[in-house]
Amino acid sequence: MSGRRANTRSQTAWRGRGRGRGDSDRGRRGDSRGCGIGERDGLIHYSHSRQKPSVERSLEYLPSISRSGGQGGHGDTLKQSSVQDAYWETIQSKLADHWKRQYQIKDSLRKENESNLLLHLRKLREGIISSKREDTFALAVYELSFYLAILFDSPAQISASQSHFTQLFETLRQPSDFSSTSSLHRKATAFLVTSSLLNLTEGYPSQKLYYRDLEDFKNLPQSPNDKSDVDCQAWIRSLRSSLNMRNYVQSQHLTSFRRVNSIVDRLIPSESQSEASINNTAPLDDLLGKVIFRLIDSLREKLRESAWQVLRAAYRELTVSTANDVDLANSAWVGRALFFDIEDADKKSMSGLENWKDEKVGEDQLIGKAGMDGRWMICRNKK
């Protein structure tokens, strides 16, 4: 009942303006709430006063269409394109704030912020689906949803945002619907590479997930004359093959920082590197790079454990030391075999291997060899 009275008051305040009652009503309400509130075009608007509430805050509390049924009141507000655009700006603002504060807050609060961002994006996607909006704006929303769901480790949101990509690309295939056909092809290739890498990582060593989505990916816009697109797709096929054959040397090369960085550069058109699709400090293209490297790190962790089992079966001891050039060279070989990015026996790049060694010592899988610093005996009887 109290909600109905509040709604009636706000509507009265808006309708009263222009008939000589708006100022008096607004003045009375200003004492307790700081402003008068009204509705136009489905958005909540605020009159001028000493304390002006944030429009962003009003958008934040718009109901989702799935919960409201999309009928009556604000239930269908997110079906309107103007509201979707405003809600998108609100999400961008919140995301920019998240990037700035993510390392300054507790993990629990960070995860809560991530969950809220994904919730807002889900509400916006519901509005897009309900309004049958299929344009570049919708594509940007689904791109951001997909990439953030991977970074924030949300399988449910990954699946929800991933499922509509193919249909959007089919609709936007026409040049009249997309300002740059080459840009559309590049976005389609980025989606194909990221989704394939996600499937290979999540399913490793199985490749069922990869083949499950392969048929759908065949319908994506292709650019056989674009060398960058061809190279990126060839890279993901080569990676799949090396993983299937357990060719660790080839897998290590294909997942090295230099190789992956070259793929990311190909996926991001040079003309768009300065564009900020999310905000001025975190462009969508930069987010794509973060996602790919996050997936590569996850895949390398799984490959590292698999390669370690091979080393344990083949060797009695190994060297992890930077005491001299010989030990450094041997340690570099061990590090590369275990999927650490170690090049030219650089001491600075050994930190990851050193941390791994300490972890295995704590698990009793490695024991220091008596009288020989840097030499470690492998314990095969420990899992």
Protein backbone atom coordinates (compact mmCIF):
# COMPACT_ATOMS: atom_id res chain seq x y z
CA MET A 1 0.00 0.00 0.00
CA SER A 2 2.84 2.40 0.84
CA GLY A 3 4.38 1.76 -2.60
CA ARG A 4 1.09 2.71 -4.31
CA ARG A 5 0.85 5.96 -2.33
CA ALA A 6 4.48 6.84 -3.31
CA ASN A 7 3.73 6.11 -6.96
CA THR A 8 0.54 8.20 -6.85
CA ARG A 9 2.42 11.13 -5.31
CA SER A 10 5.12 11.03 -7.97
CA GLN A 11 2.59 10.93 -10.81
CA THR A 12 0.62 13.78 -9.22
CA ALA A 13 3.79 15.86 -8.92
CA TRP A 14 4.47 15.45 -12.65
CA ARG A 15 0.91 16.01 -13.84
CA GLY A 16 0.56 18.99 -11.54
CA ARG A 17 3.28 20.95 -13.30
CA GLY A 18 1.89 23.55 -15.67
CA ARG A 19 -1.42 23.80 -13.80
CA GLY A 20 -0.10 25.90 -10.94
CA ARG A 21 0.27 23.02 -8.50
CA GLY A 22 3.65 21.62 -9.47
CA ASP A 23 5.73 24.21 -7.66
CA SER A 24 3.80 23.94 -4.40
CA ASP A 25 3.80 20.13 -4.47
CA ARG A 26 7.46 20.05 -5.32
CA GLY A 27 8.25 22.49 -2.55
CA ARG A 28 6.47 20.39 0.04
CA ARG A 29 8.19 17.22 -1.07
CA GLY A 30 11.54 18.95 -1.27
CA ASP A 31 11.63 19.27 2.51
CA SER A 32 11.70 15.50 2.97
CA ARG A 33 13.13 14.10 -0.25
CA GLY A 34 15.01 16.96 -1.86
CA CYS A 35 13.17 16.94 -5.19
CA GLY A 36 10.02 16.11 -7.05
CA ILE A 37 9.89 12.87 -9.04
CA GLY A 38 7.94 12.15 -12.21
CA GLU A 39 7.85 9.85 -15.23
CA ARG A 40 8.31 10.49 -18.93
CA ASP A 41 8.90 7.95 -21.69
CA GLY A 42 9.36 5.17 -19.15
CA LEU A 43 12.29 6.90 -17.42
CA ILE A 44 12.26 8.44 -13.97
CA HIS A 45 13.04 12.17 -14.07
CA TYR A 46 13.94 14.57 -11.29
CA SER A 47 13.04 18.21 -10.96
CA HIS A 48 15.66 20.85 -10.11
CA SER A 49 16.32 21.26 -6.40
CA ARG A 50 19.11 21.69 -3.90
CA GLN A 51 19.81 17.93 -3.82
CA LYS A 52 19.45 16.17 -7.15
CA PRO A 53 19.27 12.36 -6.92
CA SER A 54 21.23 10.36 -9.50
CA VAL A 55 19.37 9.23 -12.61
CA GLU A 56 21.90 6.37 -12.72
CA ARG A 57 20.54 5.15 -9.40
CA SER A 58 16.97 5.16 -10.73
CA LEU A 59 18.01 3.08 -13.73
CA GLU A 60 19.81 0.63 -11.49
CA TYR A 61 16.54 -0.38 -9.85
CA LEU A 62 14.55 -0.96 -13.04
CA PRO A 63 12.87 -4.38 -12.78
CA SER A 64 14.00 -7.18 -15.07
CA ILE A 65 11.51 -8.25 -17.70
CA SER A 66 11.71 -11.91 -16.65
CA ARG A 67 10.54 -11.05 -13.12
CA SER A 68 7.97 -8.44 -13.97
CA GLY A 69 6.51 -10.32 -16.91
CA GLY A 70 7.07 -7.24 -19.07
CA GLN A 71 3.56 -6.00 -18.42
CA GLY A 72 2.41 -2.75 -16.85
CA GLY A 73 4.22 -0.12 -14.80
CA HIS A 74 7.96 -0.28 -15.30
CA GLY A 75 7.79 -3.94 -16.34
CA ASP A 76 8.44 -3.26 -20.01
CA THR A 77 10.66 -0.20 -19.60
CA LEU A 78 13.80 -2.03 -20.71
CA LYS A 79 12.15 -2.81 -24.05
CA GLN A 80 12.64 0.83 -25.08
CA SER A 81 15.80 1.60 -27.05
CA SER A 82 16.38 4.91 -25.27
CA VAL A 83 16.22 3.19 -21.89
CA GLN A 84 18.56 0.44 -23.08
CA ASP A 85 21.09 3.05 -24.20
CA ALA A 86 20.89 4.84 -20.85
CA TYR A 87 21.16 1.56 -18.94
CA TRP A 88 24.24 0.67 -21.02
CA GLU A 89 25.89 3.91 -19.97
CA THR A 90 25.11 3.09 -16.34
CA ILE A 91 26.77 -0.31 -16.71
CA GLN A 92 29.82 1.27 -18.31
CA SER A 93 30.15 3.68 -15.42
CA LYS A 94 29.92 0.87 -12.86
CA LEU A 95 32.44 -1.22 -14.78
CA ALA A 96 34.92 1.66 -14.94
CA ASP A 97 34.62 2.07 -11.19
CA HIS A 98 35.13 -1.67 -10.71
CA TRP A 99 38.39 -1.68 -12.70
CA LYS A 100 39.74 1.17 -10.58
CA ARG A 101 38.85 -0.43 -7.23
CA GLN A 102 39.16 -4.17 -7.84
CA TYR A 103 42.57 -4.48 -6.14
CA GLN A 104 41.72 -2.09 -3.31
CA ILE A 105 38.74 -3.95 -1.84
CA LYS A 106 38.19 -7.30 -0.16
CA ASP A 107 37.62 -10.38 -2.30
CA SER A 108 34.07 -10.78 -1.01
CA LEU A 109 33.13 -7.24 -2.06
CA ARG A 110 34.89 -7.63 -5.40
CA LYS A 111 32.94 -10.80 -6.16
CA GLU A 112 29.72 -9.07 -5.15
CA ASN A 113 30.48 -6.22 -7.56
CA GLU A 114 31.22 -8.70 -10.33
CA SER A 115 27.96 -10.53 -9.69
CA ASN A 116 26.01 -7.27 -9.78
CA LEU A 117 27.60 -6.26 -13.09
CA LEU A 118 26.62 -9.57 -14.65
CA LEU A 119 23.10 -9.15 -13.26
CA HIS A 120 22.75 -5.73 -14.88
CA LEU A 121 23.96 -7.11 -18.20
CA ARG A 122 21.47 -9.97 -17.96
CA LYS A 123 18.63 -7.51 -17.43
CA LEU A 124 19.78 -5.51 -20.45
CA ARG A 125 19.97 -8.66 -22.60
CA GLU A 126 16.41 -9.53 -21.60
CA GLY A 127 15.29 -6.11 -22.79
CA ILE A 128 17.15 -6.56 -26.07
CA ILE A 129 15.59 -9.97 -26.68
CA SER A 130 12.10 -8.77 -25.76
CA SER A 131 12.36 -5.78 -28.09
CA LYS A 132 13.89 -7.98 -30.84
CA ARG A 133 16.72 -5.53 -31.22
CA GLU A 134 19.42 -6.86 -33.52
CA ASP A 135 22.00 -4.20 -34.28
CA THR A 136 25.56 -3.23 -33.40
CA PHE A 137 24.43 -2.11 -29.95
CA ALA A 138 23.05 -5.59 -29.21
CA LEU A 139 26.28 -7.14 -30.46
CA ALA A 140 28.35 -4.92 -28.14
CA VAL A 141 26.16 -5.89 -25.16
CA TYR A 142 26.61 -9.60 -25.87
CA GLU A 143 30.34 -9.19 -26.41
CA LEU A 144 30.78 -7.48 -23.07
CA SER A 145 28.54 -10.04 -21.35
CA PHE A 146 30.49 -12.94 -22.81
CA TYR A 147 33.94 -11.59 -22.01
CA LEU A 148 33.07 -10.49 -18.47
CA ALA A 149 31.38 -13.82 -17.72
CA ILE A 150 34.68 -15.55 -18.59
CA LEU A 151 36.78 -13.14 -16.54
CA PHE A 152 34.38 -13.35 -13.60
CA ASP A 153 34.11 -17.15 -13.88
CA SER A 154 30.33 -17.41 -14.33
CA PRO A 155 29.46 -20.51 -16.42
CA ALA A 156 25.74 -19.73 -16.43
CA GLN A 157 26.27 -16.24 -17.85
CA ILE A 158 28.83 -17.56 -20.36
CA SER A 159 26.27 -19.96 -21.79
CA ALA A 160 23.46 -17.38 -21.78
CA SER A 161 25.44 -14.73 -23.66
CA GLN A 162 27.20 -17.16 -25.99
CA SER A 163 23.99 -18.73 -27.31
CA HIS A 164 22.75 -15.62 -29.16
CA PHE A 165 25.99 -14.62 -30.88
CA THR A 166 25.51 -16.73 -34.01
CA GLN A 167 22.04 -15.34 -34.66
CA LEU A 168 23.26 -11.77 -34.25
CA PHE A 169 26.11 -12.31 -36.68
CA GLU A 170 23.67 -13.79 -39.19
CA THR A 171 21.48 -10.67 -38.96
CA LEU A 172 24.39 -8.24 -39.15
CA ARG A 173 25.98 -10.01 -42.11
CA GLN A 174 24.35 -7.51 -44.52
CA PRO A 175 26.58 -4.46 -45.19
CA SER A 176 23.56 -2.17 -44.72
CA ASP A 177 23.23 -3.35 -41.14
CA PHE A 178 26.91 -2.99 -40.26
CA SER A 179 29.13 -0.07 -41.17
CA SER A 180 32.20 -2.20 -41.78
CA THR A 181 32.01 -5.75 -43.11
CA SER A 182 35.68 -6.35 -42.28
CA SER A 183 35.04 -5.26 -38.69
CA LEU A 184 32.15 -7.72 -38.47
CA HIS A 185 34.39 -10.52 -39.77
CA ARG A 186 37.05 -9.63 -37.20
CA LYS A 187 34.50 -9.69 -34.38
CA ALA A 188 33.20 -13.05 -35.60
CA THR A 189 36.75 -14.42 -35.69
CA ALA A 190 37.41 -13.10 -32.17
CA PHE A 191 34.26 -14.85 -30.94
CA LEU A 192 35.21 -18.10 -32.72
CA VAL A 193 38.76 -18.10 -31.30
CA THR A 194 37.65 -17.19 -27.77
CA SER A 195 34.80 -19.73 -27.70
CA SER A 196 36.99 -22.49 -29.14
CA LEU A 197 39.76 -21.72 -26.65
CA LEU A 198 37.20 -21.74 -23.83
CA ASN A 199 35.89 -25.15 -24.93
CA LEU A 200 39.39 -26.62 -25.25
CA THR A 201 40.32 -25.30 -21.80
CA GLU A 202 37.15 -26.33 -19.98
CA GLY A 203 37.06 -29.79 -21.52
CA TYR A 204 40.78 -30.66 -21.47
CA PRO A 205 41.84 -33.34 -22.25
CA SER A 206 38.46 -34.12 -23.84
CA GLN A 207 37.50 -32.13 -26.95
CA LYS A 208 33.78 -32.90 -26.97
CA LEU A 209 32.87 -29.29 -26.16
CA TYR A 210 35.01 -28.05 -29.05
CA TYR A 211 33.30 -30.32 -31.59
CA ARG A 212 29.87 -29.64 -30.10
CA ASP A 213 29.99 -25.98 -31.13
CA LEU A 214 32.03 -26.44 -34.29
CA GLU A 215 28.97 -26.80 -36.52
CA ASP A 216 27.47 -23.53 -35.28
CA PHE A 217 30.75 -21.71 -35.87
CA LYS A 218 30.64 -22.65 -39.56
CA ASN A 219 27.75 -20.18 -39.97
CA LEU A 220 29.78 -17.24 -38.71
CA PRO A 221 30.82 -14.57 -41.23
CA GLN A 222 34.10 -15.60 -42.85
CA SER A 223 36.76 -13.55 -44.60
CA PRO A 224 38.97 -16.00 -46.54
CA ASN A 225 40.95 -13.11 -48.06
CA ASP A 226 41.86 -11.59 -44.68
CA LYS A 227 45.25 -13.00 -43.68
CA SER A 228 44.79 -12.05 -40.02
CA ASP A 229 41.51 -13.94 -39.74
CA VAL A 230 42.98 -16.95 -41.54
CA ASP A 231 46.05 -16.99 -39.25
CA CYS A 232 43.92 -16.80 -36.08
CA GLN A 233 41.70 -19.67 -37.16
CA ALA A 234 44.73 -21.72 -38.22
CA TRP A 235 46.26 -21.09 -34.76
CA ILE A 236 43.25 -22.47 -32.88
CA ARG A 237 43.11 -25.53 -35.16
CA SER A 238 46.82 -26.18 -34.62
CA LEU A 239 46.37 -25.84 -30.87
CA ARG A 240 43.50 -28.31 -30.91
CA SER A 241 45.61 -30.78 -32.88
CA SER A 242 48.63 -30.49 -30.57
CA LEU A 243 46.44 -30.97 -27.50
CA ASN A 244 44.79 -34.01 -29.05
CA MET A 245 48.16 -35.60 -29.89
CA ARG A 246 49.66 -34.56 -26.54
CA ASN A 247 52.46 -32.82 -28.37
CA TYR A 248 53.71 -30.80 -25.42
CA VAL A 249 56.51 -29.09 -27.34
CA GLN A 250 54.11 -27.78 -29.97
CA SER A 251 51.51 -26.84 -27.34
CA GLN A 252 54.16 -24.92 -25.40
CA HIS A 253 55.09 -22.95 -28.50
CA LEU A 254 51.49 -22.19 -29.47
CA THR A 255 50.61 -20.97 -25.96
CA SER A 256 53.76 -18.94 -25.35
CA PHE A 257 53.33 -15.26 -24.55
CA ARG A 258 54.84 -14.08 -27.84
CA ARG A 259 52.65 -16.37 -29.95
CA VAL A 260 49.44 -15.56 -28.11
CA ASN A 261 50.22 -11.85 -28.11
CA SER A 262 50.60 -11.94 -31.89
CA ILE A 263 47.17 -13.59 -32.17
CA VAL A 264 45.59 -10.92 -29.95
CA ASP A 265 47.14 -8.20 -32.13
CA ARG A 266 45.60 -9.81 -35.21
CA LEU A 267 42.18 -10.01 -33.57
CA ILE A 268 42.19 -6.29 -32.75
CA PRO A 269 42.01 -4.10 -35.87
CA SER A 270 44.55 -1.27 -35.73
CA GLU A 271 41.86 1.31 -36.47
CA SER A 272 39.87 0.26 -33.38
CA GLN A 273 42.64 0.04 -30.80
CA SER A 274 41.97 3.60 -29.65
CA GLU A 275 38.21 3.14 -29.39
CA ALA A 276 36.79 2.76 -25.88
CA SER A 277 33.80 0.47 -26.14
CA ILE A 278 33.58 0.14 -22.38
CA ASN A 279 35.16 3.38 -21.21
CA ASN A 280 38.22 5.50 -21.85
CA THR A 281 40.45 3.37 -19.63
CA ALA A 282 39.22 -0.12 -20.43
CA PRO A 283 38.34 -0.55 -24.12
CA LEU A 284 36.51 -3.67 -25.22
CA ASP A 285 39.50 -4.73 -27.33
CA ASP A 286 41.72 -4.62 -24.25
CA LEU A 287 39.15 -6.79 -22.48
CA LEU A 288 39.39 -9.35 -25.31
CA GLY A 289 43.13 -9.61 -24.73
CA LYS A 290 42.63 -10.15 -21.00
CA VAL A 291 40.11 -12.91 -21.66
CA ILE A 292 42.37 -14.78 -24.08
CA PHE A 293 45.37 -14.63 -21.74
CA ARG A 294 43.18 -15.73 -18.82
CA LEU A 295 42.07 -18.79 -20.81
CA ILE A 296 45.65 -19.51 -21.88
CA ASP A 297 46.79 -19.37 -18.24
CA SER A 298 44.05 -21.84 -17.26
CA LEU A 299 44.93 -24.16 -20.13
CA ARG A 300 48.63 -24.02 -19.26
CA GLU A 301 47.89 -24.98 -15.65
CA LYS A 302 46.16 -28.13 -16.88
CA LEU A 303 48.94 -28.86 -19.37
CA ARG A 304 51.55 -28.29 -16.65
CA GLU A 305 50.01 -30.94 -14.43
CA SER A 306 49.79 -33.38 -17.33
CA ALA A 307 53.41 -32.72 -18.35
CA TRP A 308 54.52 -33.14 -14.74
CA GLN A 309 53.14 -36.65 -14.69
CA VAL A 310 55.26 -37.46 -17.75
CA LEU A 311 58.39 -36.00 -16.13
CA ARG A 312 57.77 -37.92 -12.92
CA ALA A 313 57.60 -41.17 -14.83
CA ALA A 314 60.68 -40.46 -16.95
CA TYR A 315 63.16 -38.84 -14.52
CA ARG A 316 64.51 -39.45 -11.03
CA GLU A 317 65.56 -35.89 -10.31
CA LEU A 318 65.50 -32.41 -11.78
CA THR A 319 67.29 -29.09 -11.37
CA VAL A 320 65.66 -25.86 -10.25
CA SER A 321 68.45 -23.40 -9.49
CA THR A 322 70.03 -20.19 -10.77
CA ALA A 323 73.38 -20.68 -9.00
CA ASN A 324 75.41 -20.96 -12.21
CA ASP A 325 74.97 -20.99 -15.98
CA VAL A 326 74.68 -24.79 -16.19
CA ASP A 327 71.97 -24.96 -13.52
CA LEU A 328 70.23 -22.01 -15.12
CA ALA A 329 70.14 -23.72 -18.51
CA ASN A 330 68.84 -26.98 -16.98
CA SER A 331 66.21 -25.09 -15.00
CA ALA A 332 65.11 -23.25 -18.14
CA TRP A 333 64.55 -26.58 -19.87
CA VAL A 334 62.49 -27.86 -16.95
CA GLY A 335 60.47 -24.63 -16.91
CA ARG A 336 59.65 -24.79 -20.60
CA ALA A 337 58.71 -28.46 -20.27
CA LEU A 338 56.27 -27.40 -17.54
CA PHE A 339 54.75 -24.57 -19.63
CA PHE A 340 56.43 -21.62 -17.96
CA ASP A 341 57.43 -18.73 -20.21
CA ILE A 342 61.19 -18.95 -19.79
CA GLU A 343 63.31 -17.62 -22.62
CA ASP A 344 67.08 -17.43 -22.96
CA ALA A 345 67.62 -18.71 -19.40
CA ASP A 346 66.60 -15.40 -17.88
CA LYS A 347 66.74 -15.38 -14.06
CA LYS A 348 63.82 -12.96 -13.83
CA SER A 349 61.54 -15.41 -15.64
CA MET A 350 62.28 -18.19 -13.14
CA SER A 351 59.92 -16.96 -10.42
CA GLY A 352 57.00 -19.05 -11.65
CA LEU A 353 59.12 -22.20 -11.69
CA GLU A 354 60.50 -21.44 -8.21
CA ASN A 355 56.97 -21.04 -6.83
CA TRP A 356 55.90 -24.29 -8.48
CA LYS A 357 58.92 -26.08 -6.98
CA ASP A 358 58.06 -24.81 -3.49
CA GLU A 359 54.48 -26.03 -3.95
CA LYS A 360 55.62 -29.53 -4.94
CA VAL A 361 58.05 -29.66 -2.03
CA GLY A 362 55.15 -28.84 0.28
CA GLU A 363 53.18 -31.68 -1.29
CA ASP A 364 56.13 -34.09 -0.79
CA GLN A 365 56.46 -34.65 -4.53
CA LEU A 366 59.97 -33.19 -4.52
CA ILE A 367 62.70 -33.67 -1.91
CA GLY A 368 66.01 -31.82 -1.83
CA LYS A 369 69.00 -33.96 -2.75
CA ALA A 370 71.45 -34.13 0.13
CA GLY A 371 74.63 -32.17 -0.43
CA MET A 372 73.54 -30.79 -3.81
CA ASP A 373 71.79 -27.43 -3.76
CA GLY A 374 69.27 -26.96 -6.52
CA ARG A 375 68.86 -30.69 -7.18
CA TRP A 376 65.50 -32.24 -6.33
CA MET A 377 64.59 -35.91 -6.09
CA ILE A 378 61.19 -36.85 -7.57
CA CYS A 379 58.89 -38.86 -5.32
CA ARG A 380 56.72 -41.15 -7.44
CA ASN A 381 54.68 -42.59 -4.58
CA LYS A 382 52.97 -39.24 -3.87
CA LYS A 383 49.95 -38.07 -5.86
